Amino acid sequence: MHVSGMIDESKNAMVPHALPFAFDDTTHRNEHVKLASAIGFLPEAPKHAYVGGYVPDLGGWVWAVGNNGTILGWDSSRDGAWRVWETPTNRTLRAVAAIREDFAVAVGDGGTILTFREGVWRHASAPGVNDDDLLAVAFGRTGVAWAVGRNGTTARLQPGAEEWEAIDAGTRWDLRGVWVGPPRVGSEAVPRTEDDIVQRLNYSEGFDVAYAVGDKGTLLLWNPVDSHWRPIAHGHTSADLHAIGENAIVGAGGVTLGFYWRMWQKGAASPVLQGSGGGALRAVWSSYDDYHWAGGDGGIYRGGRYTAFKATGHFPAADPWQLSHSTTGAVT
C-alpha cells in the first residue's frame, strides 16, 4: 500500500512511503486489516477491508533536555547523530515537547520556558509566570501548549500566540504531569451532550482539553467550555501522581489509573510494579494499539493491551504489567 499526501492538523507532511502487509481472509494474520465484506470467502472473490493503525514517521528532531540547561537534538533525516545545542540558560530543564520540526518547547527550574523557532532556542515571553519550577509540558493537536509545575503552577500558550499566560489552577499541590488532546464526548471531559458542545464551540475547527496530575492524587481538567481548571474527584488514590498519557496515569507506589468506560479507573495492585526499585512510576506513554509503557524506579515496564488498568473482573489471573528493561536508576 502506497501512502502520500497526508498532512496532520499541525501541518506536518508525511513522507511518502510504502506499507507492506500480508492479509489472509481466513486467518486475519495482520491486525491492521479488518475484513468488511467478502463473497463466499473464495480466493478469487472480491473483498473489502479497512486498513488502519499504522504510525508514520514524519521526520524532524528528537529532543532531550537535562541539567545545566543541556539540550540535545537527534535528526533522523541527516546523519542520525546527537547534537548539543546552544542554550540560553544554565538552569535544569525538566521536560520538552514538540509539535513541528521547527517548533519545540522546553521547561524547567525557576519558571524557565524556552522555545525553538527558526533553528534557535530562546527564552519565551511569559510575563505572568512566576519562579516556580516547571515539571512537564505538552502540545495538543490544535497547537495549544500547557506547562505545569510546583505549587499548582500552570501556563498556557495559545495557537499562534507569542506570550505564555499563567492560569490559576485552584491548587497549591505540585503538578508533575500534563496531557493535552481532544475531548471524549460523554466522559468527565465533556459532561454534556454532544449537541450542547457543538452549539457552544465550533467542533469543525477542533479544540483540546488538558489534564494535569500531581501530589496527593491531584487530577485536574481544563475544559474550554468551562474555561477553568476543575478537580476530578476520582476517589481512587491519594498517592502522588507523576505522569499522564493519553489513557494512563502513573504514580508513587506503582499506582496506575486508566481511562476506560468513560471514566478513570484504578488498576489492580501489580506485584511487578510494586516490587521493583520501590515501585514509583515517573513516566508513561500509551501506544496507538493500546499498549502502555511506564518508566520508573527500577526500569521500564510494559502494560498489556486493554488489561493494564482492569481493577477486577475479566483479567484477574495474571499480572498485566511486565518488566521490559531493568535499570539501576529511575527512568523519568
Protein backbone atom coordinates (compact mmCIF):
# COMPACT_ATOMS: atom_id res chain seq x y z
CA MET A 1 0.00 0.00 0.00
CA HIS A 2 1.49 3.36 -1.03
CA VAL A 3 0.72 6.41 1.11
CA SER A 4 1.35 10.02 0.15
CA GLY A 5 -0.14 13.49 0.56
CA MET A 6 -1.06 13.05 4.24
CA ILE A 7 -0.91 16.22 6.37
CA ASP A 8 -1.93 16.47 10.03
CA GLU A 9 -3.59 19.39 11.84
CA SER A 10 -0.19 20.88 12.73
CA LYS A 11 0.79 20.98 9.03
CA ASN A 12 3.28 18.13 9.33
CA ALA A 13 3.51 16.31 6.00
CA MET A 14 4.02 12.57 5.94
CA VAL A 15 6.96 11.38 3.88
CA PRO A 16 5.54 9.23 1.02
CA HIS A 17 6.26 5.58 1.69
CA ALA A 18 5.05 2.03 1.18
CA LEU A 19 3.40 -0.09 3.88
CA PRO A 20 3.78 -3.80 3.14
CA PHE A 21 1.37 -6.23 4.75
CA ALA A 22 0.00 -9.72 4.25
CA PHE A 23 -3.68 -10.49 4.66
CA ASP A 24 -5.40 -13.86 4.72
CA ASP A 25 -9.19 -13.65 4.86
CA THR A 26 -9.40 -16.88 6.85
CA THR A 27 -6.73 -16.26 9.47
CA HIS A 28 -6.52 -12.43 9.69
CA ARG A 29 -2.76 -12.58 10.00
CA ASN A 30 -2.38 -8.80 10.08
CA GLU A 31 -4.10 -6.94 12.92
CA HIS A 32 -4.14 -3.69 10.93
CA VAL A 33 -6.55 -5.09 8.31
CA LYS A 34 -10.17 -5.75 9.26
CA LEU A 35 -12.33 -7.58 6.74
CA ALA A 36 -15.52 -5.67 6.00
CA SER A 37 -17.18 -7.91 3.42
CA ALA A 38 -16.42 -10.77 1.09
CA ILE A 39 -18.24 -13.04 -1.32
CA GLY A 40 -18.12 -16.62 -0.13
CA PHE A 41 -14.58 -16.26 1.22
CA LEU A 42 -13.28 -17.64 -2.07
CA PRO A 43 -9.72 -16.79 -3.11
CA GLU A 44 -10.87 -15.22 -6.36
CA ALA A 45 -13.83 -13.34 -4.86
CA PRO A 46 -13.66 -9.54 -4.32
CA LYS A 47 -13.01 -8.43 -0.77
CA HIS A 48 -13.30 -5.09 1.00
CA ALA A 49 -11.33 -4.25 4.15
CA TYR A 50 -10.49 -1.36 6.43
CA VAL A 51 -6.82 -0.58 6.95
CA GLY A 52 -5.66 1.39 10.00
CA GLY A 53 -3.36 1.53 12.96
CA TYR A 54 -0.16 2.48 11.16
CA VAL A 55 2.04 5.17 12.68
CA PRO A 56 4.03 7.14 10.09
CA ASP A 57 7.43 8.72 10.56
CA LEU A 58 7.04 12.44 9.97
CA GLY A 59 10.75 13.08 10.31
CA GLY A 60 12.10 16.05 12.27
CA TRP A 61 14.03 16.16 15.52
CA VAL A 62 14.11 14.09 18.67
CA TRP A 63 14.81 16.29 21.70
CA ALA A 64 16.32 15.58 25.12
CA VAL A 65 16.91 18.06 27.95
CA GLY A 66 18.57 17.94 31.36
CA ASN A 67 20.85 19.57 33.93
CA ASN A 68 22.61 22.91 33.39
CA GLY A 69 20.33 23.82 30.50
CA THR A 70 21.53 20.89 28.41
CA ILE A 71 19.63 20.39 25.14
CA LEU A 72 20.37 17.54 22.76
CA GLY A 73 18.82 17.06 19.34
CA TRP A 74 18.81 14.00 17.08
CA ASP A 75 17.99 14.49 13.41
CA SER A 76 16.80 11.33 11.69
CA SER A 77 16.97 12.94 8.24
CA ARG A 78 20.70 13.62 8.41
CA ASP A 79 23.49 11.59 9.98
CA GLY A 80 21.42 10.23 12.86
CA ALA A 81 23.80 11.65 15.48
CA TRP A 82 23.01 13.58 18.66
CA ARG A 83 23.92 17.26 18.54
CA VAL A 84 24.48 19.54 21.54
CA TRP A 85 22.50 22.75 21.00
CA GLU A 86 23.46 26.17 22.25
CA THR A 87 21.21 27.07 25.17
CA PRO A 88 20.34 30.44 26.76
CA THR A 89 20.12 29.08 30.33
CA ASN A 90 22.09 27.05 32.86
CA ARG A 91 19.00 26.06 34.84
CA THR A 92 17.88 22.44 34.93
CA LEU A 93 15.38 21.64 32.20
CA ARG A 94 12.74 19.10 33.23
CA ALA A 95 10.66 18.43 30.10
CA VAL A 96 10.47 19.06 26.37
CA ALA A 97 7.73 18.75 23.75
CA ALA A 98 7.50 19.48 20.02
CA ILE A 99 4.63 19.85 17.58
CA ARG A 100 6.64 20.51 14.42
CA GLU A 101 10.25 20.09 13.46
CA ASP A 102 10.62 23.88 13.65
CA PHE A 103 8.70 24.47 16.90
CA ALA A 104 9.50 22.94 20.29
CA VAL A 105 9.26 23.99 23.94
CA ALA A 106 11.43 23.10 26.94
CA VAL A 107 10.58 23.95 30.56
CA GLY A 108 12.48 23.76 33.82
CA ASP A 109 13.54 25.25 37.11
CA GLY A 110 12.74 28.82 38.12
CA GLY A 111 9.83 29.07 35.71
CA THR A 112 12.12 28.66 32.70
CA ILE A 113 10.37 28.34 29.33
CA LEU A 114 12.42 28.06 26.15
CA THR A 115 11.10 27.89 22.61
CA PHE A 116 12.79 26.54 19.50
CA ARG A 117 11.99 28.61 16.41
CA GLU A 118 13.95 29.31 13.24
CA GLY A 119 16.68 26.93 14.38
CA VAL A 120 17.45 28.73 17.68
CA TRP A 121 16.49 28.10 21.32
CA ARG A 122 15.40 31.32 23.09
CA HIS A 123 13.68 32.38 26.28
CA ALA A 124 9.93 32.59 25.78
CA SER A 125 7.89 35.61 26.73
CA ALA A 126 5.95 34.64 29.85
CA PRO A 127 5.32 37.80 31.91
CA GLY A 128 2.75 36.25 34.23
CA VAL A 129 4.64 33.03 35.04
CA ASN A 130 6.40 33.06 38.43
CA ASP A 131 9.65 31.40 39.51
CA ASP A 132 8.17 28.03 40.49
CA ASP A 133 9.84 25.07 38.80
CA LEU A 134 8.01 23.75 35.73
CA LEU A 135 7.97 19.96 35.58
CA ALA A 136 6.02 18.99 32.45
CA VAL A 137 4.89 20.37 29.09
CA ALA A 138 2.66 19.06 26.30
CA PHE A 139 1.14 20.15 22.99
CA GLY A 140 -2.38 19.43 21.79
CA ARG A 141 -3.33 18.62 18.23
CA THR A 142 -4.65 22.17 17.69
CA GLY A 143 -1.31 23.75 18.63
CA VAL A 144 -2.17 24.79 22.18
CA ALA A 145 0.54 24.05 24.76
CA TRP A 146 0.33 23.66 28.54
CA ALA A 147 3.13 23.64 31.12
CA VAL A 148 2.66 22.67 34.78
CA GLY A 149 4.84 22.69 37.86
CA ARG A 150 5.31 23.25 41.55
CA ASN A 151 2.74 24.92 43.81
CA GLY A 152 -0.02 24.33 41.28
CA THR A 153 1.61 26.43 38.55
CA THR A 154 0.03 26.16 35.09
CA ALA A 155 0.74 28.20 31.98
CA ARG A 156 -0.81 28.11 28.51
CA LEU A 157 0.40 29.11 25.05
CA GLN A 158 -2.47 29.64 22.65
CA PRO A 159 -2.03 28.63 18.99
CA GLY A 160 -0.25 31.42 17.16
CA ALA A 161 0.39 33.45 20.33
CA GLU A 162 3.79 34.84 21.32
CA GLU A 163 3.31 35.02 25.11
CA TRP A 164 2.57 32.34 27.68
CA GLU A 165 -0.19 33.18 30.14
CA ALA A 166 -0.33 31.99 33.74
CA ILE A 167 -3.64 30.38 34.74
CA ASP A 168 -4.79 29.75 38.31
CA ALA A 169 -5.27 26.02 38.82
CA GLY A 170 -7.03 26.34 42.18
CA THR A 171 -4.47 24.15 43.98
CA ARG A 172 -1.09 24.53 45.66
CA TRP A 173 -0.06 20.90 45.23
CA ASP A 174 2.86 20.27 42.89
CA LEU A 175 1.66 19.31 39.39
CA ARG A 176 4.01 16.79 37.78
CA GLY A 177 2.36 15.72 34.54
CA VAL A 178 0.14 17.15 31.80
CA TRP A 179 -1.64 15.74 28.76
CA VAL A 180 -3.40 17.77 26.05
CA GLY A 181 -5.74 16.35 23.43
CA PRO A 182 -9.24 16.05 22.02
CA PRO A 183 -12.20 15.68 24.41
CA ARG A 184 -14.11 12.48 24.92
CA VAL A 185 -17.82 13.15 24.47
CA GLY A 186 -19.85 11.50 27.21
CA SER A 187 -16.93 11.46 29.64
CA GLU A 188 -15.97 13.73 32.52
CA ALA A 189 -14.03 15.76 29.94
CA VAL A 190 -17.27 16.67 28.18
CA PRO A 191 -20.00 16.26 30.81
CA ARG A 192 -22.77 17.35 28.45
CA THR A 193 -24.45 16.02 25.38
CA GLU A 194 -22.58 16.29 22.11
CA ASP A 195 -25.27 18.59 20.71
CA ASP A 196 -24.67 21.08 23.52
CA ILE A 197 -20.94 21.04 22.89
CA VAL A 198 -21.42 21.67 19.18
CA GLN A 199 -23.64 24.67 19.93
CA ARG A 200 -21.03 26.31 22.16
CA LEU A 201 -17.84 25.51 20.26
CA ASN A 202 -17.01 25.12 16.61
CA TYR A 203 -16.37 21.39 16.52
CA SER A 204 -15.26 21.51 12.90
CA GLU A 205 -12.20 23.53 13.89
CA GLY A 206 -11.47 21.25 16.83
CA PHE A 207 -10.46 22.06 20.39
CA ASP A 208 -8.30 20.47 23.05
CA VAL A 209 -8.84 19.73 26.72
CA ALA A 210 -5.99 19.26 29.19
CA TYR A 211 -5.43 17.02 32.19
CA ALA A 212 -2.86 17.76 34.92
CA VAL A 213 -1.78 15.36 37.66
CA GLY A 214 0.17 15.91 40.84
CA ASP A 215 0.72 15.26 44.51
CA LYS A 216 -1.84 13.71 46.85
CA GLY A 217 -3.78 12.16 43.98
CA THR A 218 -4.49 15.52 42.30
CA LEU A 219 -6.23 15.23 38.92
CA LEU A 220 -7.35 18.42 37.19
CA LEU A 221 -9.23 19.02 33.95
CA TRP A 222 -9.17 22.12 31.75
CA ASN A 223 -12.22 22.30 29.53
CA PRO A 224 -12.64 25.20 27.07
CA VAL A 225 -16.40 25.03 27.70
CA ASP A 226 -15.83 25.85 31.38
CA SER A 227 -12.69 27.96 30.82
CA HIS A 228 -11.08 26.96 34.09
CA TRP A 229 -9.29 24.10 35.81
CA ARG A 230 -11.56 21.92 37.90
CA PRO A 231 -10.67 18.92 40.08
CA ILE A 232 -11.75 15.41 39.09
CA ALA A 233 -12.84 13.60 42.25
CA HIS A 234 -11.76 10.13 41.14
CA GLY A 235 -11.55 8.77 44.70
CA HIS A 236 -9.01 6.09 43.75
CA THR A 237 -5.78 7.16 45.43
CA SER A 238 -4.07 9.87 47.46
CA ALA A 239 -0.62 8.83 46.21
CA ASP A 240 1.48 11.35 44.32
CA LEU A 241 0.74 11.12 40.59
CA HIS A 242 3.81 11.69 38.43
CA ALA A 243 2.78 11.37 34.79
CA ILE A 244 -0.21 11.15 32.47
CA GLY A 245 -0.56 9.83 28.92
CA GLU A 246 -3.47 9.52 26.55
CA ASN A 247 -5.23 6.82 28.57
CA ALA A 248 -2.93 6.27 31.53
CA ILE A 249 -1.80 7.85 34.80
CA VAL A 250 1.05 6.51 36.95
CA GLY A 251 2.50 7.49 40.29
CA ALA A 252 4.12 6.61 43.59
CA GLY A 253 3.92 3.09 44.93
CA GLY A 254 3.24 1.62 41.50
CA VAL A 255 -0.25 3.14 41.38
CA THR A 256 -1.91 3.21 37.95
CA LEU A 257 -5.13 4.72 36.62
CA GLY A 258 -6.60 4.04 33.20
CA PHE A 259 -9.30 5.80 31.21
CA TYR A 260 -11.90 3.15 30.32
CA TRP A 261 -15.68 3.18 30.02
CA ARG A 262 -15.72 7.00 30.06
CA MET A 263 -14.04 7.39 33.42
CA TRP A 264 -10.72 6.99 35.22
CA GLN A 265 -10.40 3.57 36.82
CA LYS A 266 -7.76 2.31 39.22
CA GLY A 267 -5.61 -0.59 38.10
CA ALA A 268 -5.25 -3.69 40.20
CA ALA A 269 -2.25 -3.97 42.51
CA SER A 270 0.65 -5.16 40.38
CA PRO A 271 3.46 -7.12 42.11
CA VAL A 272 5.71 -6.28 39.15
CA LEU A 273 5.22 -2.53 39.57
CA GLN A 274 5.27 -2.53 43.35
CA GLY A 275 8.21 -4.90 43.75
CA SER A 276 10.95 -3.20 41.72
CA GLY A 277 13.01 -0.30 42.99
CA GLY A 278 10.38 0.99 45.37
CA GLY A 279 7.65 0.98 42.77
CA ALA A 280 7.45 4.70 41.93
CA LEU A 281 6.40 5.26 38.30
CA ARG A 282 7.52 8.56 36.78
CA ALA A 283 6.69 8.47 33.05
CA VAL A 284 4.04 6.86 30.86
CA TRP A 285 3.16 6.53 27.19
CA SER A 286 0.25 4.74 25.52
CA SER A 287 0.69 3.31 22.03
CA TYR A 288 -1.87 3.58 19.25
CA ASP A 289 -2.85 -0.07 19.76
CA ASP A 290 -3.50 0.49 23.49
CA TYR A 291 -0.36 -0.99 24.99
CA HIS A 292 1.21 1.07 27.78
CA TRP A 293 4.82 1.80 28.68
CA ALA A 294 5.80 3.15 32.10
CA GLY A 295 9.20 4.31 33.31
CA GLY A 296 10.12 4.49 36.94
CA ASP A 297 12.36 3.32 39.75
CA GLY A 298 13.99 0.15 38.59
CA GLY A 299 13.23 0.12 34.90
CA ILE A 300 10.79 0.31 32.02
CA TYR A 301 7.50 -1.60 32.25
CA ARG A 302 5.05 -2.77 29.59
CA GLY A 303 1.33 -2.97 30.30
CA GLY A 304 -0.88 -5.44 28.48
CA ARG A 305 -3.36 -4.38 25.87
CA TYR A 306 -6.73 -3.47 27.48
CA THR A 307 -5.72 -5.20 30.73
CA ALA A 308 -3.19 -2.87 32.35
CA PHE A 309 -5.84 -0.98 34.32
CA LYS A 310 -8.53 -3.59 34.85
CA ALA A 311 -9.02 -3.47 38.60
CA THR A 312 -11.24 -6.53 38.91
CA GLY A 313 -13.37 -8.83 36.87
CA HIS A 314 -12.26 -10.05 33.49
CA PHE A 315 -8.49 -10.40 33.85
CA PRO A 316 -7.65 -11.32 37.47
CA ALA A 317 -5.36 -14.30 36.80
CA ALA A 318 -2.11 -12.74 35.58
CA ASP A 319 -0.25 -9.52 36.25
CA PRO A 320 -0.70 -7.46 33.05
CA TRP A 321 2.48 -5.46 33.71
CA GLN A 322 5.89 -6.89 32.88
CA LEU A 323 9.41 -5.58 33.40
CA SER A 324 10.71 -4.76 29.93
CA HIS A 325 14.14 -3.41 30.87
CA SER A 326 15.84 -3.25 34.25
CA THR A 327 17.79 -0.16 35.35
CA THR A 328 19.72 0.84 38.46
CA GLY A 329 18.27 4.35 38.43
CA ALA A 330 14.91 5.94 37.81
CA VAL A 331 13.51 6.33 34.30
CA THR A 332 11.84 9.75 34.23
